[in-house]
């Protein structure tokens, strides 16, 4: 809204509400875990009742290889 107002456009109350509703709808769609899963951003959606089991399984898998060599990145140049 500020960007539109800076460019000289005056928004009516109806246009403000429409812009707000559009932004809110987009936000709600993109914060749904299924949105991220569809884009392969997450590995799995865990049922809240299975959280303890999933954490236990992850810790057991991590403990199978405790001797991981130190990762050295070398010199970083910016």
N, C-alpha and C. Protein backbone atom coordinates (compact mmCIF):
# COMPACT_ATOMS: atom_id res chain seq x y z
N UNK A 1 0.83 -1.19 0.00
CA UNK A 1 0.00 0.00 0.00
C UNK A 1 0.88 1.25 0.00
N UNK A 2 1.96 1.20 0.78
CA UNK A 2 2.84 2.37 0.83
C UNK A 2 3.47 2.64 -0.54
N UNK A 3 3.85 1.56 -1.22
CA UNK A 3 4.46 1.71 -2.53
C UNK A 3 3.47 2.33 -3.52
N UNK A 4 2.23 1.90 -3.48
CA UNK A 4 1.21 2.47 -4.35
C UNK A 4 0.95 3.93 -4.01
N UNK A 5 0.92 4.23 -2.70
CA UNK A 5 0.68 5.61 -2.29
C UNK A 5 1.84 6.52 -2.68
N UNK A 6 3.08 5.98 -2.62
CA UNK A 6 4.25 6.77 -3.03
C UNK A 6 4.22 7.10 -4.52
N UNK A 7 3.66 6.18 -5.30
CA UNK A 7 3.60 6.42 -6.74
C UNK A 7 2.43 7.34 -7.11
N UNK A 8 1.67 7.77 -6.12
CA UNK A 8 0.61 8.73 -6.37
C UNK A 8 -0.78 8.14 -6.44
N UNK A 9 -0.91 6.83 -6.30
CA UNK A 9 -2.24 6.22 -6.39
C UNK A 9 -2.87 6.22 -5.00
N UNK A 10 -4.10 6.68 -4.94
CA UNK A 10 -4.84 6.70 -3.68
C UNK A 10 -5.77 5.50 -3.67
N UNK A 11 -5.65 4.65 -2.66
CA UNK A 11 -6.47 3.44 -2.57
C UNK A 11 -7.77 3.72 -1.84
N UNK A 12 -8.85 3.22 -2.40
CA UNK A 12 -10.13 3.32 -1.71
C UNK A 12 -10.19 2.24 -0.63
N UNK A 13 -11.15 2.33 0.23
CA UNK A 13 -11.29 1.34 1.31
C UNK A 13 -11.54 -0.05 0.73
N UNK A 14 -12.30 -0.11 -0.35
CA UNK A 14 -12.58 -1.40 -1.00
C UNK A 14 -11.30 -2.00 -1.59
N UNK A 15 -10.47 -1.16 -2.22
CA UNK A 15 -9.21 -1.64 -2.79
C UNK A 15 -8.25 -2.10 -1.69
N UNK A 16 -8.24 -1.39 -0.58
CA UNK A 16 -7.40 -1.80 0.56
C UNK A 16 -7.82 -3.17 1.08
N UNK A 17 -9.13 -3.36 1.22
CA UNK A 17 -9.64 -4.64 1.72
C UNK A 17 -9.32 -5.76 0.74
N UNK A 18 -9.47 -5.49 -0.56
CA UNK A 18 -9.17 -6.49 -1.58
C UNK A 18 -7.68 -6.87 -1.55
N UNK A 19 -6.81 -5.89 -1.43
CA UNK A 19 -5.37 -6.15 -1.34
C UNK A 19 -5.03 -6.94 -0.09
N UNK A 20 -5.63 -6.57 1.04
CA UNK A 20 -5.40 -7.29 2.29
C UNK A 20 -5.87 -8.73 2.18
N UNK A 21 -7.08 -8.95 1.65
CA UNK A 21 -7.62 -10.31 1.52
C UNK A 21 -6.76 -11.16 0.59
N UNK A 22 -6.27 -10.57 -0.49
CA UNK A 22 -5.42 -11.29 -1.43
C UNK A 22 -4.10 -11.70 -0.76
N UNK A 23 -3.49 -10.77 -0.04
CA UNK A 23 -2.23 -11.05 0.66
C UNK A 23 -2.44 -12.11 1.73
N UNK A 24 -3.53 -12.01 2.47
CA UNK A 24 -3.82 -12.97 3.53
C UNK A 24 -4.04 -14.37 2.95
N UNK A 25 -4.77 -14.46 1.85
CA UNK A 25 -5.02 -15.75 1.21
C UNK A 25 -3.72 -16.41 0.76
N UNK A 26 -2.85 -15.61 0.13
CA UNK A 26 -1.55 -16.12 -0.33
C UNK A 26 -0.73 -16.61 0.86
N UNK A 27 -0.70 -15.83 1.93
CA UNK A 27 0.06 -16.20 3.13
C UNK A 27 -0.46 -17.51 3.71
N UNK A 28 -1.78 -17.64 3.82
CA UNK A 28 -2.36 -18.85 4.40
C UNK A 28 -2.07 -20.07 3.54
N UNK A 29 -2.10 -19.92 2.22
CA UNK A 29 -1.80 -21.04 1.32
C UNK A 29 -0.35 -21.47 1.45
N UNK A 30 0.56 -20.51 1.52
CA UNK A 30 1.98 -20.82 1.52
C UNK A 30 2.51 -21.26 2.88
N UNK A 31 1.78 -21.05 3.95
CA UNK A 31 2.22 -21.52 5.26
C UNK A 31 1.66 -22.91 5.58
N UNK A 32 0.84 -23.45 4.72
CA UNK A 32 0.33 -24.81 4.89
C UNK A 32 1.46 -25.79 4.62
N UNK A 33 1.68 -26.77 5.49
CA UNK A 33 2.77 -27.74 5.29
C UNK A 33 2.67 -28.48 3.95
N UNK A 34 1.46 -28.66 3.46
CA UNK A 34 1.30 -29.36 2.18
C UNK A 34 1.86 -28.55 1.02
N UNK A 35 1.87 -27.23 1.13
CA UNK A 35 2.45 -26.37 0.10
C UNK A 35 3.94 -26.66 -0.03
N UNK A 36 4.65 -26.72 1.11
CA UNK A 36 6.07 -27.04 1.11
C UNK A 36 6.34 -28.45 0.65
N UNK A 37 5.50 -29.38 1.06
CA UNK A 37 5.68 -30.78 0.68
C UNK A 37 5.51 -30.96 -0.83
N UNK A 38 4.59 -30.24 -1.42
CA UNK A 38 4.36 -30.35 -2.86
C UNK A 38 5.55 -29.84 -3.65
N UNK A 39 6.35 -28.98 -3.05
CA UNK A 39 7.53 -28.43 -3.73
C UNK A 39 8.82 -29.11 -3.27
N UNK A 40 8.66 -30.20 -2.52
CA UNK A 40 9.78 -30.99 -2.01
C UNK A 40 10.71 -30.18 -1.11
N UNK A 41 10.15 -29.21 -0.39
CA UNK A 41 10.94 -28.42 0.55
C UNK A 41 11.08 -29.15 1.88
N UNK A 42 10.18 -30.08 2.15
CA UNK A 42 10.22 -30.85 3.39
C UNK A 42 10.18 -32.33 3.05
N UNK A 43 10.72 -33.15 3.94
CA UNK A 43 10.79 -34.58 3.68
C UNK A 43 9.51 -35.31 4.01
N UNK A 44 8.86 -34.89 5.09
CA UNK A 44 7.69 -35.63 5.55
C UNK A 44 6.86 -34.77 6.49
N UNK A 45 5.57 -34.95 6.43
CA UNK A 45 4.68 -34.31 7.40
C UNK A 45 4.40 -35.36 8.47
N UNK A 46 4.79 -35.03 9.70
CA UNK A 46 4.64 -35.98 10.80
C UNK A 46 3.34 -35.70 11.55
N UNK A 47 2.57 -36.76 11.75
CA UNK A 47 1.36 -36.65 12.57
C UNK A 47 1.80 -36.30 13.99
N UNK A 48 1.19 -35.32 14.63
CA UNK A 48 1.59 -34.94 15.98
C UNK A 48 1.64 -36.11 16.97
N UNK A 49 0.80 -37.10 16.75
CA UNK A 49 0.81 -38.26 17.65
C UNK A 49 2.05 -39.13 17.44
N UNK A 50 2.75 -38.96 16.31
CA UNK A 50 3.93 -39.77 16.00
C UNK A 50 5.24 -39.01 16.20
N UNK A 51 5.18 -37.84 16.79
CA UNK A 51 6.37 -37.01 16.94
C UNK A 51 7.45 -37.71 17.76
N UNK A 52 7.08 -38.25 18.89
CA UNK A 52 8.06 -38.92 19.76
C UNK A 52 8.74 -40.07 19.01
N UNK A 53 7.97 -40.84 18.30
CA UNK A 53 8.52 -41.97 17.55
C UNK A 53 9.47 -41.48 16.45
N UNK A 54 9.12 -40.42 15.76
CA UNK A 54 9.95 -39.88 14.68
C UNK A 54 11.27 -39.33 15.23
N UNK A 55 11.21 -38.65 16.37
CA UNK A 55 12.44 -38.12 16.98
C UNK A 55 13.34 -39.26 17.43
N UNK A 56 12.75 -40.28 18.05
CA UNK A 56 13.52 -41.45 18.47
C UNK A 56 14.20 -42.11 17.29
N UNK A 57 13.49 -42.29 16.22
CA UNK A 57 14.04 -42.92 15.02
C UNK A 57 15.18 -42.07 14.44
N UNK A 58 15.04 -40.78 14.42
CA UNK A 58 16.08 -39.90 13.89
C UNK A 58 17.33 -39.95 14.76
N UNK A 59 17.16 -39.97 16.08
CA UNK A 59 18.31 -40.04 16.98
C UNK A 59 19.03 -41.38 16.87
N UNK A 60 18.27 -42.45 16.70
CA UNK A 60 18.88 -43.77 16.53
C UNK A 60 19.69 -43.81 15.23
N UNK A 61 19.17 -43.24 14.17
CA UNK A 61 19.89 -43.21 12.90
C UNK A 61 21.15 -42.37 13.00
N UNK A 62 21.07 -41.25 13.71
CA UNK A 62 22.24 -40.38 13.87
C UNK A 62 23.32 -41.03 14.71
N UNK A 63 22.93 -41.88 15.64
CA UNK A 63 23.92 -42.51 16.53
C UNK A 63 24.65 -43.67 15.87
N UNK A 64 24.23 -44.10 14.69
CA UNK A 64 24.88 -45.22 14.02
C UNK A 64 26.27 -44.86 13.50
N UNK A 65 26.55 -43.60 13.26
CA UNK A 65 27.84 -43.18 12.74
C UNK A 65 28.35 -41.99 13.55
N UNK A 66 28.83 -42.22 14.78
CA UNK A 66 29.23 -41.10 15.61
C UNK A 66 30.57 -40.48 15.20
N UNK A 67 31.40 -41.19 14.40
CA UNK A 67 32.72 -40.69 14.03
C UNK A 67 32.68 -40.03 12.66
N UNK A 68 32.15 -38.83 12.62
CA UNK A 68 32.08 -38.07 11.38
C UNK A 68 33.29 -37.13 11.35
N UNK A 69 34.09 -37.19 10.29
CA UNK A 69 35.27 -36.31 10.25
C UNK A 69 34.85 -34.84 10.19
N UNK A 70 35.71 -33.98 10.71
CA UNK A 70 35.42 -32.56 10.74
C UNK A 70 35.36 -32.02 9.31
N UNK A 71 34.36 -31.22 9.03
CA UNK A 71 34.19 -30.64 7.71
C UNK A 71 34.95 -29.32 7.64
N UNK A 72 35.90 -29.23 6.72
CA UNK A 72 36.69 -28.00 6.57
C UNK A 72 36.34 -27.37 5.22
N UNK A 73 36.00 -26.12 5.26
CA UNK A 73 35.58 -25.43 4.05
C UNK A 73 36.73 -24.73 3.34
N UNK A 74 37.85 -24.61 3.97
CA UNK A 74 38.97 -23.90 3.35
C UNK A 74 38.84 -22.42 3.55
N UNK A 75 39.44 -21.65 2.66
CA UNK A 75 39.44 -20.21 2.78
C UNK A 75 38.21 -19.64 2.08
N UNK A 76 37.50 -18.78 2.78
CA UNK A 76 36.33 -18.13 2.20
C UNK A 76 36.72 -16.75 1.72
N UNK A 77 36.45 -16.46 0.49
CA UNK A 77 36.74 -15.14 -0.05
C UNK A 77 35.42 -14.49 -0.43
N UNK A 78 35.26 -13.26 0.00
CA UNK A 78 34.02 -12.54 -0.32
C UNK A 78 34.31 -11.32 -1.14
